[in-house]
Amino acid sequence: MRPATLLELAASHAVHLPDTLTDPLLAGRPVRLSATDERGWFRFQRLYDVARSVLRTPQDVRRLVLEAAEDDVADGSRWLEIQVDPSGYAARFGGLTAFVELVLDAVADARTATGLSIGVVVAANRTRHELDARTLARLAAQYADAGVVGFGLSNDERRGPAQDFARAFAIARRAGLASVPHGGELVGPEGVTACLDHLQPDRLGHGVRSVEDPRVLDRVVSSGVVLEVCPWSNVSLGVYPSARDLPLPTLVVAGAQVALGADDPLLFGHRLTDQYRLAREVHAMSDAALAALARASITGSRAPRELQQAMLAEVDRWLADTPDTPEPHQNGGGSSAGSR
């Protein structure tokens, strides 16, 4: 959500926004949070829920999806997988099914308006009962041929063990949906292991803590699971004290499949291109390494094969037309082998 849209919708619907959210946004700064403890995560979740609460009408949802598509096009994206937890909106929008259909309609309109290809990921909430997750998995499966491409698992991984959601993910996989849970962010390498053991992920949101156990990192590499690494999110939430401490080069050099993501630009103040800029400027990644990150974000997606091939060709043209950059630092992840 654009900060201006948040402020405008809040005003139009008389939603009070706390100063801890509005002050940084009005000043053009990211919201600084530290969510590595329960109190910090509660504060983050509260601000996140306040932001979601300004969506009161179907037109608000359509606007949000359209603007997300417009901003991704401006960022250079060709394919967007937008994740939504319908349980957070069902009461306000006529139920789970009605809300999913609203999002799919909004996606279709945004695709027509912008030319951006878009898929939807339905996500369950770790803090809710696993039966709710099964309900959402069945719902996602019903729309597997109508725009839903994946099934995810979000919220605080300390409060919802991955194994509790194994049956829900099995339902989604049988429908051909990608398995894309979050894990290995607030919980260490054991969070990654739990997802690998029970959810069989195609992609894993974050997964950066796998570097803390060489055996887990080896397993990530050998499994080919794609890690959705969100550098500025990890810094803003206090997972790492600074961008330089983020283990992006370690993951790349180890051969992990890595994709860069922005996670939540509204709160964290950084969009997708900023993540690539960080990889370049902080970790001194070469053109070839950046191109490899982009390639794996394509091959790790659920974009149609023909679109994937077109996007990969575009990355290859960029690399061929871009002058060589200086040699990366020793720990700069210059090797592109296996990177996403």
C-alpha atoms as a PDB file:
ATOM      1  CA  MET A   1       0.000   0.000   0.000  1.00  0.00           C
ATOM      2  CA  ARG A   2       1.250   3.457  -0.868  1.00  0.00           C
ATOM      3  CA  PRO A   3       1.656   5.711   2.194  1.00  0.00           C
ATOM      4  CA  ALA A   4      -0.519   8.359   0.536  1.00  0.00           C
ATOM      5  CA  THR A   5      -3.267   5.802  -0.028  1.00  0.00           C
ATOM      6  CA  LEU A   6      -3.129   4.701   3.609  1.00  0.00           C
ATOM      7  CA  LEU A   7      -3.487   8.275   4.810  1.00  0.00           C
ATOM      8  CA  GLU A   8      -6.273   9.075   2.336  1.00  0.00           C
ATOM      9  CA  LEU A   9      -8.332   5.964   3.094  1.00  0.00           C
ATOM     10  CA  ALA A  10      -7.874   6.430   6.833  1.00  0.00           C
ATOM     11  CA  ALA A  11      -9.212   9.959   6.552  1.00  0.00           C
ATOM     12  CA  SER A  12     -12.150   8.956   4.347  1.00  0.00           C
ATOM     13  CA  HIS A  13     -13.185   6.121   6.694  1.00  0.00           C
ATOM     14  CA  ALA A  14     -12.387   7.971   9.954  1.00  0.00           C
ATOM     15  CA  VAL A  15      -9.755   5.402  10.964  1.00  0.00           C
ATOM     16  CA  HIS A  16      -7.348   6.652  13.612  1.00  0.00           C
ATOM     17  CA  LEU A  17      -3.711   6.016  12.744  1.00  0.00           C
ATOM     18  CA  PRO A  18      -1.181   6.020  15.604  1.00  0.00           C
ATOM     19  CA  ASP A  19       1.586   8.598  15.537  1.00  0.00           C
ATOM     20  CA  THR A  20       4.159   5.789  15.459  1.00  0.00           C
ATOM     21  CA  LEU A  21       2.841   4.977  11.995  1.00  0.00           C
ATOM     22  CA  THR A  22       1.917   8.383  10.577  1.00  0.00           C
ATOM     23  CA  ASP A  23       4.945  10.380  11.736  1.00  0.00           C
ATOM     24  CA  PRO A  24       7.549   8.317   9.814  1.00  0.00           C
ATOM     25  CA  LEU A  25       5.322   8.050   6.725  1.00  0.00           C
ATOM     26  CA  LEU A  26       4.665  11.794   6.609  1.00  0.00           C
ATOM     27  CA  ALA A  27       8.405  12.376   6.922  1.00  0.00           C
ATOM     28  CA  GLY A  28       9.134   9.882   4.155  1.00  0.00           C
ATOM     29  CA  ARG A  29      10.977   7.513   6.497  1.00  0.00           C
ATOM     30  CA  PRO A  30      10.561   3.778   7.135  1.00  0.00           C
ATOM     31  CA  VAL A  31       8.840   2.664  10.325  1.00  0.00           C
ATOM     32  CA  ARG A  32      11.575   1.359  12.612  1.00  0.00           C
ATOM     33  CA  LEU A  33      10.588  -1.782  14.474  1.00  0.00           C
ATOM     34  CA  SER A  34      12.302  -4.572  16.330  1.00  0.00           C
ATOM     35  CA  ALA A  35      10.123  -7.644  16.247  1.00  0.00           C
ATOM     36  CA  THR A  36      12.575 -10.254  17.450  1.00  0.00           C
ATOM     37  CA  ASP A  37      10.869 -10.381  20.848  1.00  0.00           C
ATOM     38  CA  GLU A  38       7.178 -10.803  21.640  1.00  0.00           C
ATOM     39  CA  ARG A  39       6.659  -7.150  22.511  1.00  0.00           C
ATOM     40  CA  GLY A  40       8.308  -5.989  19.304  1.00  0.00           C
ATOM     41  CA  TRP A  41       6.303  -8.386  17.162  1.00  0.00           C
ATOM     42  CA  PHE A  42       3.071  -7.292  18.846  1.00  0.00           C
ATOM     43  CA  ARG A  43       3.865  -3.684  17.939  1.00  0.00           C
ATOM     44  CA  PHE A  44       4.637  -4.613  14.349  1.00  0.00           C
ATOM     45  CA  GLN A  45       1.468  -6.686  14.030  1.00  0.00           C
ATOM     46  CA  ARG A  46      -0.616  -3.874  15.517  1.00  0.00           C
ATOM     47  CA  LEU A  47       0.661  -1.372  12.955  1.00  0.00           C
ATOM     48  CA  TYR A  48       0.178  -3.914  10.176  1.00  0.00           C
ATOM     49  CA  ASP A  49      -3.417  -4.558  11.258  1.00  0.00           C
ATOM     50  CA  VAL A  50      -4.120  -0.826  11.548  1.00  0.00           C
ATOM     51  CA  ALA A  51      -2.941  -0.392   7.963  1.00  0.00           C
ATOM     52  CA  ARG A  52      -5.175  -3.253   6.778  1.00  0.00           C
ATOM     53  CA  SER A  53      -8.144  -1.797   8.604  1.00  0.00           C
ATOM     54  CA  VAL A  54      -8.470   1.133   6.183  1.00  0.00           C
ATOM     55  CA  LEU A  55      -9.737  -1.287   3.515  1.00  0.00           C
ATOM     56  CA  ARG A  56     -13.488  -0.920   4.030  1.00  0.00           C
ATOM     57  CA  THR A  57     -15.064  -1.184   0.567  1.00  0.00           C
ATOM     58  CA  PRO A  58     -14.578  -3.305  -2.560  1.00  0.00           C
ATOM     59  CA  GLN A  59     -13.293  -0.191  -4.310  1.00  0.00           C
ATOM     60  CA  ASP A  60     -10.578   0.170  -1.659  1.00  0.00           C
ATOM     61  CA  VAL A  61      -9.399  -3.364  -2.413  1.00  0.00           C
ATOM     62  CA  ARG A  62      -9.462  -2.729  -6.155  1.00  0.00           C
ATOM     63  CA  ARG A  63      -7.453   0.437  -5.663  1.00  0.00           C
ATOM     64  CA  LEU A  64      -4.874  -1.334  -3.530  1.00  0.00           C
ATOM     65  CA  VAL A  65      -4.354  -4.114  -6.074  1.00  0.00           C
ATOM     66  CA  LEU A  66      -4.183  -1.685  -9.004  1.00  0.00           C
ATOM     67  CA  GLU A  67      -1.639   0.534  -7.280  1.00  0.00           C
ATOM     68  CA  ALA A  68       0.454  -2.478  -6.259  1.00  0.00           C
ATOM     69  CA  ALA A  69       0.525  -3.532  -9.914  1.00  0.00           C
ATOM     70  CA  GLU A  70       1.379  -0.021 -11.096  1.00  0.00           C
ATOM     71  CA  ASP A  71       4.232   0.245  -8.607  1.00  0.00           C
ATOM     72  CA  ASP A  72       5.603  -3.161  -9.585  1.00  0.00           C
ATOM     73  CA  VAL A  73       5.576  -2.179 -13.256  1.00  0.00           C
ATOM     74  CA  ALA A  74       7.465   0.987 -12.336  1.00  0.00           C
ATOM     75  CA  ASP A  75       9.966  -1.189 -10.477  1.00  0.00           C
ATOM     76  CA  GLY A  76      10.581  -3.266 -13.609  1.00  0.00           C
ATOM     77  CA  SER A  77       8.614  -6.339 -12.572  1.00  0.00           C
ATOM     78  CA  ARG A  78       6.932  -8.540 -15.164  1.00  0.00           C
ATOM     79  CA  TRP A  79       5.153 -10.968 -12.820  1.00  0.00           C
ATOM     80  CA  LEU A  80       3.588 -10.401  -9.410  1.00  0.00           C
ATOM     81  CA  GLU A  81       2.411 -12.995  -6.906  1.00  0.00           C
ATOM     82  CA  ILE A  82       0.291 -11.121  -4.385  1.00  0.00           C
ATOM     83  CA  GLN A  83      -0.354 -12.887  -1.086  1.00  0.00           C
ATOM     84  CA  VAL A  84      -3.529 -12.449   0.940  1.00  0.00           C
ATOM     85  CA  ASP A  85      -4.992 -14.002   4.078  1.00  0.00           C
ATOM     86  CA  PRO A  86      -8.766 -13.955   3.430  1.00  0.00           C
ATOM     87  CA  SER A  87      -9.561 -14.693   7.087  1.00  0.00           C
ATOM     88  CA  GLY A  88      -8.494 -11.162   7.987  1.00  0.00           C
ATOM     89  CA  TYR A  89     -11.127  -9.648   5.681  1.00  0.00           C
ATOM     90  CA  ALA A  90     -13.959 -12.178   5.554  1.00  0.00           C
ATOM     91  CA  ALA A  91     -16.179 -10.501   8.153  1.00  0.00           C
ATOM     92  CA  ARG A  92     -16.070  -7.176   6.348  1.00  0.00           C
ATOM     93  CA  PHE A  93     -16.448  -8.439   2.790  1.00  0.00           C
ATOM     94  CA  GLY A  94     -19.114 -11.120   2.928  1.00  0.00           C
ATOM     95  CA  GLY A  95     -17.073 -14.205   3.748  1.00  0.00           C
ATOM     96  CA  LEU A  96     -13.939 -16.035   2.630  1.00  0.00           C
ATOM     97  CA  THR A  97     -15.158 -16.962  -0.830  1.00  0.00           C
ATOM     98  CA  ALA A  98     -16.552 -13.524  -1.562  1.00  0.00           C
ATOM     99  CA  PHE A  99     -13.288 -11.877  -0.601  1.00  0.00           C
ATOM    100  CA  VAL A 100     -11.137 -14.231  -2.683  1.00  0.00           C
ATOM    101  CA  GLU A 101     -13.383 -13.580  -5.660  1.00  0.00           C
ATOM    102  CA  LEU A 102     -13.114  -9.836  -5.065  1.00  0.00           C
ATOM    103  CA  VAL A 103      -9.307 -10.069  -5.063  1.00  0.00           C
ATOM    104  CA  LEU A 104      -9.310 -12.181  -8.226  1.00  0.00           C
ATOM    105  CA  ASP A 105     -11.603  -9.666  -9.947  1.00  0.00           C
ATOM    106  CA  ALA A 106      -9.333  -6.825  -8.814  1.00  0.00           C
ATOM    107  CA  VAL A 107      -6.323  -8.722 -10.161  1.00  0.00           C
ATOM    108  CA  ALA A 108      -8.017  -9.182 -13.531  1.00  0.00           C
ATOM    109  CA  ASP A 109      -8.774  -5.456 -13.712  1.00  0.00           C
ATOM    110  CA  ALA A 110      -5.222  -4.539 -12.692  1.00  0.00           C
ATOM    111  CA  ARG A 111      -3.796  -6.908 -15.298  1.00  0.00           C
ATOM    112  CA  THR A 112      -5.883  -5.250 -17.998  1.00  0.00           C
ATOM    113  CA  ALA A 113      -4.962  -1.748 -16.860  1.00  0.00           C
ATOM    114  CA  THR A 114      -1.210  -2.291 -16.469  1.00  0.00           C
ATOM    115  CA  GLY A 115      -0.297  -5.298 -18.619  1.00  0.00           C
ATOM    116  CA  LEU A 116       1.344  -6.924 -15.583  1.00  0.00           C
ATOM    117  CA  SER A 117       0.746 -10.655 -15.179  1.00  0.00           C
ATOM    118  CA  ILE A 118      -0.420 -11.466 -11.654  1.00  0.00           C
ATOM    119  CA  GLY A 119      -1.034 -14.604  -9.595  1.00  0.00           C
ATOM    120  CA  VAL A 120      -2.628 -14.845  -6.155  1.00  0.00           C
ATOM    121  CA  VAL A 121      -1.264 -16.729  -3.140  1.00  0.00           C
ATOM    122  CA  VAL A 122      -3.813 -17.575  -0.441  1.00  0.00           C
ATOM    123  CA  ALA A 123      -2.126 -17.590   2.970  1.00  0.00           C
ATOM    124  CA  ALA A 124      -3.131 -19.099   6.293  1.00  0.00           C
ATOM    125  CA  ASN A 125      -2.341 -17.457   9.616  1.00  0.00           C
ATOM    126  CA  ARG A 126      -0.084 -19.354  12.039  1.00  0.00           C
ATOM    127  CA  THR A 127      -1.882 -17.869  15.028  1.00  0.00           C
ATOM    128  CA  ARG A 128      -5.240 -19.342  14.026  1.00  0.00           C
ATOM    129  CA  HIS A 129      -6.398 -22.956  14.337  1.00  0.00           C
ATOM    130  CA  GLU A 130      -5.077 -25.428  11.809  1.00  0.00           C
ATOM    131  CA  LEU A 131      -8.650 -26.263  10.796  1.00  0.00           C
ATOM    132  CA  ASP A 132      -8.934 -22.694   9.535  1.00  0.00           C
ATOM    133  CA  ALA A 133      -5.847 -23.330   7.416  1.00  0.00           C
ATOM    134  CA  ARG A 134      -7.445 -26.439   5.919  1.00  0.00           C
ATOM    135  CA  THR A 135     -10.532 -24.421   5.041  1.00  0.00           C
ATOM    136  CA  LEU A 136      -8.367 -21.873   3.264  1.00  0.00           C
ATOM    137  CA  ALA A 137      -6.396 -24.595   1.482  1.00  0.00           C
ATOM    138  CA  ARG A 138      -9.623 -26.087   0.112  1.00  0.00           C
ATOM    139  CA  LEU A 139     -10.756 -22.632  -0.942  1.00  0.00           C
ATOM    140  CA  ALA A 140      -7.438 -21.969  -2.684  1.00  0.00           C
ATOM    141  CA  ALA A 141      -7.694 -25.323  -4.432  1.00  0.00           C
ATOM    142  CA  GLN A 142     -11.105 -24.377  -5.836  1.00  0.00           C
ATOM    143  CA  TYR A 143      -9.508 -21.440  -7.642  1.00  0.00           C
ATOM    144  CA  ALA A 144      -6.330 -23.205  -8.758  1.00  0.00           C
ATOM    145  CA  ASP A 145      -7.356 -22.724 -12.395  1.00  0.00           C
ATOM    146  CA  ALA A 146      -8.745 -19.234 -11.881  1.00  0.00           C
ATOM    147  CA  GLY A 147      -5.747 -17.205 -10.742  1.00  0.00           C
ATOM    148  CA  VAL A 148      -4.650 -18.739  -7.423  1.00  0.00           C
ATOM    149  CA  VAL A 149      -1.125 -20.111  -7.830  1.00  0.00           C
ATOM    150  CA  GLY A 150       0.079 -20.865  -4.303  1.00  0.00           C
ATOM    151  CA  PHE A 151      -0.662 -21.471  -0.641  1.00  0.00           C
ATOM    152  CA  GLY A 152       1.280 -19.718   2.113  1.00  0.00           C
ATOM    153  CA  LEU A 153       1.659 -19.475   5.885  1.00  0.00           C
ATOM    154  CA  SER A 154       2.329 -16.169   7.594  1.00  0.00           C
ATOM    155  CA  ASN A 155       2.508 -14.365  10.958  1.00  0.00           C
ATOM    156  CA  ASP A 156       4.703 -15.138  13.978  1.00  0.00           C
ATOM    157  CA  GLU A 157       6.360 -18.526  13.436  1.00  0.00           C
ATOM    158  CA  ARG A 158       6.999 -18.807  17.181  1.00  0.00           C
ATOM    159  CA  ARG A 159       3.262 -19.154  17.765  1.00  0.00           C
ATOM    160  CA  GLY A 160       2.325 -21.707  15.108  1.00  0.00           C
ATOM    161  CA  PRO A 161       4.559 -24.764  14.543  1.00  0.00           C
ATOM    162  CA  ALA A 162       4.861 -25.795  10.907  1.00  0.00           C
ATOM    163  CA  GLN A 163       3.813 -29.371  11.633  1.00  0.00           C
ATOM    164  CA  ASP A 164       0.364 -28.160  12.703  1.00  0.00           C
ATOM    165  CA  PHE A 165      -0.321 -27.091   9.119  1.00  0.00           C
ATOM    166  CA  ALA A 166       0.978 -30.123   7.250  1.00  0.00           C
ATOM    167  CA  ARG A 167      -2.493 -31.355   6.258  1.00  0.00           C
ATOM    168  CA  ALA A 168      -3.499 -27.960   4.906  1.00  0.00           C
ATOM    169  CA  PHE A 169      -0.409 -27.817   2.714  1.00  0.00           C
ATOM    170  CA  ALA A 170      -1.031 -31.366   1.506  1.00  0.00           C
ATOM    171  CA  ILE A 171      -4.479 -30.241   0.296  1.00  0.00           C
ATOM    172  CA  ALA A 172      -2.928 -27.342  -1.587  1.00  0.00           C
ATOM    173  CA  ARG A 173      -0.178 -29.444  -3.162  1.00  0.00           C
ATOM    174  CA  ARG A 174      -2.716 -31.984  -4.429  1.00  0.00           C
ATOM    175  CA  ALA A 175      -4.391 -29.110  -6.266  1.00  0.00           C
ATOM    176  CA  GLY A 176      -1.094 -28.221  -7.928  1.00  0.00           C
ATOM    177  CA  LEU A 177      -0.497 -25.064  -5.893  1.00  0.00           C
ATOM    178  CA  ALA A 178       2.966 -23.881  -4.931  1.00  0.00           C
ATOM    179  CA  SER A 179       3.907 -24.336  -1.271  1.00  0.00           C
ATOM    180  CA  VAL A 180       5.216 -20.960  -0.069  1.00  0.00           C
ATOM    181  CA  PRO A 181       5.271 -20.709   3.760  1.00  0.00           C
ATOM    182  CA  HIS A 182       7.286 -18.270   5.843  1.00  0.00           C
ATOM    183  CA  GLY A 183       9.999 -19.710   8.057  1.00  0.00           C
ATOM    184  CA  GLY A 184      13.512 -19.189   9.371  1.00  0.00           C
ATOM    185  CA  GLU A 185      13.101 -15.488  10.169  1.00  0.00           C
ATOM    186  CA  LEU A 186      12.181 -15.007  13.832  1.00  0.00           C
ATOM    187  CA  VAL A 187      13.004 -18.650  14.566  1.00  0.00           C
ATOM    188  CA  GLY A 188      16.467 -20.040  13.852  1.00  0.00           C
ATOM    189  CA  PRO A 189      17.443 -22.918  11.565  1.00  0.00           C
ATOM    190  CA  GLU A 190      14.974 -25.203  13.359  1.00  0.00           C
ATOM    191  CA  GLY A 191      12.205 -23.123  11.758  1.00  0.00           C
ATOM    192  CA  VAL A 192      13.608 -23.903   8.327  1.00  0.00           C
ATOM    193  CA  THR A 193      13.893 -27.595   9.175  1.00  0.00           C
ATOM    194  CA  ALA A 194      10.274 -27.722  10.367  1.00  0.00           C
ATOM    195  CA  CYS A 195       9.050 -26.239   7.088  1.00  0.00           C
ATOM    196  CA  LEU A 196      11.175 -28.610   5.024  1.00  0.00           C
ATOM    197  CA  ASP A 197      10.003 -31.611   7.036  1.00  0.00           C
ATOM    198  CA  HIS A 198       6.285 -30.879   7.115  1.00  0.00           C
ATOM    199  CA  LEU A 199       5.317 -28.397   4.405  1.00  0.00           C
ATOM    200  CA  GLN A 200       7.545 -29.385   1.454  1.00  0.00           C
ATOM    201  CA  PRO A 201       8.063 -25.788   0.333  1.00  0.00           C
ATOM    202  CA  ASP A 202       8.782 -24.757  -3.224  1.00  0.00           C
ATOM    203  CA  ARG A 203       9.773 -21.374  -1.837  1.00  0.00           C
ATOM    204  CA  LEU A 204      10.419 -20.331   1.735  1.00  0.00           C
ATOM    205  CA  GLY A 205       9.701 -16.813   2.928  1.00  0.00           C
ATOM    206  CA  HIS A 206      13.003 -15.571   4.400  1.00  0.00           C
ATOM    207  CA  GLY A 207      14.858 -18.758   5.450  1.00  0.00           C
ATOM    208  CA  VAL A 208      17.928 -16.653   6.199  1.00  0.00           C
ATOM    209  CA  ARG A 209      18.518 -18.260   9.588  1.00  0.00           C
ATOM    210  CA  SER A 210      19.516 -21.487   7.813  1.00  0.00           C
ATOM    211  CA  VAL A 211      23.072 -20.105   7.715  1.00  0.00           C
ATOM    212  CA  GLU A 212      23.329 -20.702  11.474  1.00  0.00           C
ATOM    213  CA  ASP A 213      23.504 -24.477  10.966  1.00  0.00           C
ATOM    214  CA  PRO A 214      25.648 -25.817   8.100  1.00  0.00           C
ATOM    215  CA  ARG A 215      23.578 -29.001   7.963  1.00  0.00           C
ATOM    216  CA  VAL A 216      20.371 -27.047   7.480  1.00  0.00           C
ATOM    217  CA  LEU A 217      21.975 -24.829   4.857  1.00  0.00           C
ATOM    218  CA  ASP A 218      23.237 -27.909   3.002  1.00  0.00           C
ATOM    219  CA  ARG A 219      19.720 -29.282   3.054  1.00  0.00           C
ATOM    220  CA  VAL A 220      18.289 -26.040   1.679  1.00  0.00           C
ATOM    221  CA  VAL A 221      20.812 -26.118  -1.148  1.00  0.00           C
ATOM    222  CA  SER A 222      20.289 -29.789  -2.001  1.00  0.00           C
ATOM    223  CA  SER A 223      16.491 -29.480  -1.928  1.00  0.00           C
ATOM    224  CA  GLY A 224      16.476 -26.590  -4.372  1.00  0.00           C
ATOM    225  CA  VAL A 225      13.931 -24.675  -2.289  1.00  0.00           C
ATOM    226  CA  VAL A 226      13.968 -20.979  -3.174  1.00  0.00           C
ATOM    227  CA  LEU A 227      14.589 -18.528  -0.322  1.00  0.00           C
ATOM    228  CA  GLU A 228      12.662 -15.263  -0.549  1.00  0.00           C
ATOM    229  CA  VAL A 229      15.228 -12.994   1.101  1.00  0.00           C
ATOM    230  CA  CYS A 230      13.914  -9.551   2.096  1.00  0.00           C
ATOM    231  CA  PRO A 231      16.990  -7.580   3.212  1.00  0.00           C
ATOM    232  CA  TRP A 232      15.485  -4.315   4.447  1.00  0.00           C
ATOM    233  CA  SER A 233      12.647  -6.155   6.167  1.00  0.00           C
ATOM    234  CA  ASN A 234      15.133  -8.258   8.112  1.00  0.00           C
ATOM    235  CA  VAL A 235      16.982  -5.126   9.209  1.00  0.00           C
ATOM    236  CA  SER A 236      13.825  -3.186  10.106  1.00  0.00           C
ATOM    237  CA  LEU A 237      12.485  -6.045  12.214  1.00  0.00           C
ATOM    238  CA  GLY A 238      15.788  -6.465  14.038  1.00  0.00           C
ATOM    239  CA  VAL A 239      16.638  -9.912  12.689  1.00  0.00           C
ATOM    240  CA  TYR A 240      20.007  -8.411  11.723  1.00  0.00           C
ATOM    241  CA  PRO A 241      21.469  -5.180  13.155  1.00  0.00           C
ATOM    242  CA  SER A 242      22.482  -3.784   9.765  1.00  0.00           C
ATOM    243  CA  ALA A 243      22.302  -4.528   6.059  1.00  0.00           C
ATOM    244  CA  ARG A 244      25.948  -5.575   6.090  1.00  0.00           C
ATOM    245  CA  ASP A 245      25.163  -8.285   8.662  1.00  0.00           C
ATOM    246  CA  LEU A 246      22.557  -9.897   6.408  1.00  0.00           C
ATOM    247  CA  PRO A 247      23.996 -13.265   5.253  1.00  0.00           C
ATOM    248  CA  LEU A 248      23.071 -12.791   1.593  1.00  0.00           C
ATOM    249  CA  PRO A 249      26.615 -13.510   0.313  1.00  0.00           C
ATOM    250  CA  THR A 250      26.846 -16.640   2.496  1.00  0.00           C
ATOM    251  CA  LEU A 251      23.619 -18.010   1.026  1.00  0.00           C
ATOM    252  CA  VAL A 252      24.675 -17.250  -2.541  1.00  0.00           C
ATOM    253  CA  VAL A 253      28.176 -18.691  -2.218  1.00  0.00           C
ATOM    254  CA  ALA A 254      26.729 -21.841  -0.617  1.00  0.00           C
ATOM    255  CA  GLY A 255      24.603 -22.339  -3.734  1.00  0.00           C
ATOM    256  CA  ALA A 256      21.202 -21.598  -2.226  1.00  0.00           C
ATOM    257  CA  GLN A 257      18.437 -20.478  -4.550  1.00  0.00           C
ATOM    258  CA  VAL A 258      17.873 -16.855  -3.508  1.00  0.00           C
ATOM    259  CA  ALA A 259      15.268 -14.332  -4.603  1.00  0.00           C
ATOM    260  CA  LEU A 260      15.126 -10.757  -3.389  1.00  0.00           C
ATOM    261  CA  GLY A 261      11.839  -9.392  -2.087  1.00  0.00           C
ATOM    262  CA  ALA A 262      10.594  -6.191  -0.463  1.00  0.00           C
ATOM    263  CA  ASP A 263       8.193  -7.845   2.023  1.00  0.00           C
ATOM    264  CA  ASP A 264       6.295  -4.731   3.170  1.00  0.00           C
ATOM    265  CA  PRO A 265       7.340  -1.459   1.496  1.00  0.00           C
ATOM    266  CA  LEU A 266       4.652   0.517   3.354  1.00  0.00           C
ATOM    267  CA  LEU A 267       6.219  -0.025   6.776  1.00  0.00           C
ATOM    268  CA  PHE A 268       9.831  -0.630   5.799  1.00  0.00           C
ATOM    269  CA  GLY A 269      10.163   2.090   3.178  1.00  0.00           C
ATOM    270  CA  HIS A 270      11.998   0.061   0.524  1.00  0.00           C
ATOM    271  CA  ARG A 271      10.685  -1.425  -2.708  1.00  0.00           C
ATOM    272  CA  LEU A 272      12.135  -4.193  -4.869  1.00  0.00           C
ATOM    273  CA  THR A 273      14.798  -2.167  -6.663  1.00  0.00           C
ATOM    274  CA  ASP A 274      16.108  -1.042  -3.276  1.00  0.00           C
ATOM    275  CA  GLN A 275      16.873  -4.679  -2.417  1.00  0.00           C
ATOM    276  CA  TYR A 276      18.976  -5.044  -5.566  1.00  0.00           C
ATOM    277  CA  ARG A 277      20.667  -1.739  -4.789  1.00  0.00           C
ATOM    278  CA  LEU A 278      21.562  -3.093  -1.346  1.00  0.00           C
ATOM    279  CA  ALA A 279      23.028  -6.244  -2.892  1.00  0.00           C
ATOM    280  CA  ARG A 280      25.121  -4.081  -5.202  1.00  0.00           C
ATOM    281  CA  GLU A 281      26.233  -1.355  -2.827  1.00  0.00           C
ATOM    282  CA  VAL A 282      26.481  -3.158   0.515  1.00  0.00           C
ATOM    283  CA  HIS A 283      27.548  -6.634  -0.606  1.00  0.00           C
ATOM    284  CA  ALA A 284      29.322  -5.578  -3.830  1.00  0.00           C
ATOM    285  CA  MET A 285      27.534  -8.128  -5.990  1.00  0.00           C
ATOM    286  CA  SER A 286      28.536  -8.209  -9.635  1.00  0.00           C
ATOM    287  CA  ASP A 287      26.233  -7.850 -12.633  1.00  0.00           C
ATOM    288  CA  ALA A 288      26.324 -11.607 -13.111  1.00  0.00           C
ATOM    289  CA  ALA A 289      25.298 -12.213  -9.499  1.00  0.00           C
ATOM    290  CA  LEU A 290      22.430  -9.728  -9.710  1.00  0.00           C
ATOM    291  CA  ALA A 291      21.261 -11.310 -12.952  1.00  0.00           C
ATOM    292  CA  ALA A 292      21.343 -14.726 -11.291  1.00  0.00           C
ATOM    293  CA  LEU A 293      19.150 -13.443  -8.463  1.00  0.00           C
ATOM    294  CA  ALA A 294      16.672 -12.152 -11.016  1.00  0.00           C
ATOM    295  CA  ARG A 295      16.738 -15.394 -13.014  1.00  0.00           C
ATOM    296  CA  ALA A 296      15.955 -17.535 -10.005  1.00  0.00           C
ATOM    297  CA  SER A 297      13.118 -15.245  -8.945  1.00  0.00           C
ATOM    298  CA  ILE A 298      11.659 -16.029 -12.364  1.00  0.00           C
ATOM    299  CA  THR A 299      12.225 -19.773 -12.406  1.00  0.00           C
ATOM    300  CA  GLY A 300      11.077 -20.024  -8.787  1.00  0.00           C
ATOM    301  CA  SER A 301       7.791 -18.320  -9.600  1.00  0.00           C
ATOM    302  CA  ARG A 302       4.526 -19.723 -10.929  1.00  0.00           C
ATOM    303  CA  ALA A 303       4.612 -17.489 -13.974  1.00  0.00           C
ATOM    304  CA  PRO A 304       3.548 -19.330 -17.155  1.00  0.00           C
ATOM    305  CA  ARG A 305       6.437 -21.007 -18.935  1.00  0.00           C
ATOM    306  CA  GLU A 306       6.244 -18.763 -21.998  1.00  0.00           C
ATOM    307  CA  LEU A 307       6.390 -15.666 -19.794  1.00  0.00           C
ATOM    308  CA  GLN A 308       9.301 -17.109 -17.829  1.00  0.00           C
ATOM    309  CA  GLN A 309      11.254 -17.649 -21.033  1.00  0.00           C
ATOM    310  CA  ALA A 310      10.577 -14.073 -22.154  1.00  0.00           C
ATOM    311  CA  MET A 311      11.674 -12.690 -18.789  1.00  0.00           C
ATOM    312  CA  LEU A 312      14.832 -14.803 -18.724  1.00  0.00           C
ATOM    313  CA  ALA A 313      15.727 -13.532 -22.189  1.00  0.00           C
ATOM    314  CA  GLU A 314      15.252  -9.983 -20.935  1.00  0.00           C
ATOM    315  CA  VAL A 315      17.646 -10.597 -18.041  1.00  0.00           C
ATOM    316  CA  ASP A 316      20.196 -12.063 -20.459  1.00  0.00           C
ATOM    317  CA  ARG A 317      19.923  -8.974 -22.682  1.00  0.00           C
ATOM    318  CA  TRP A 318      20.432  -6.708 -19.687  1.00  0.00           C
ATOM    319  CA  LEU A 319      23.545  -8.609 -18.657  1.00  0.00           C
ATOM    320  CA  ALA A 320      24.963  -8.586 -22.179  1.00  0.00           C
ATOM    321  CA  ASP A 321      24.403  -4.839 -22.525  1.00  0.00           C
ATOM    322  CA  THR A 322      25.711  -3.850 -19.088  1.00  0.00           C
ATOM    323  CA  PRO A 323      29.408  -2.988 -18.653  1.00  0.00           C
ATOM    324  CA  ASP A 324      31.291  -5.160 -16.215  1.00  0.00           C
ATOM    325  CA  THR A 325      31.304  -3.885 -12.653  1.00  0.00           C
ATOM    326  CA  PRO A 326      34.352  -3.874 -10.375  1.00  0.00           C
ATOM    327  CA  GLU A 327      35.330  -7.135  -8.762  1.00  0.00           C
ATOM    328  CA  PRO A 328      33.190  -7.816  -5.670  1.00  0.00           C
ATOM    329  CA  HIS A 329      34.585  -7.891  -2.167  1.00  0.00           C
ATOM    330  CA  GLN A 330      35.830 -11.243  -0.971  1.00  0.00           C
ATOM    331  CA  ASN A 331      32.529 -11.877   0.815  1.00  0.00           C
ATOM    332  CA  GLY A 332      30.468 -10.134  -1.828  1.00  0.00           C
ATOM    333  CA  GLY A 333      28.726 -13.129  -3.341  1.00  0.00           C
ATOM    334  CA  GLY A 334      30.245 -12.697  -6.784  1.00  0.00           C
ATOM    335  CA  SER A 335      29.553 -16.296  -7.653  1.00  0.00           C
ATOM    336  CA  SER A 336      26.185 -16.675  -9.328  1.00  0.00           C
ATOM    337  CA  ALA A 337      26.053 -20.438  -9.058  1.00  0.00           C
ATOM    338  CA  GLY A 338      22.698 -21.616  -7.821  1.00  0.00           C
ATOM    339  CA  SER A 339      21.467 -18.153  -6.862  1.00  0.00           C
ATOM    340  CA  ARG A 340      17.890 -17.165  -7.479  1.00  0.00           C
END
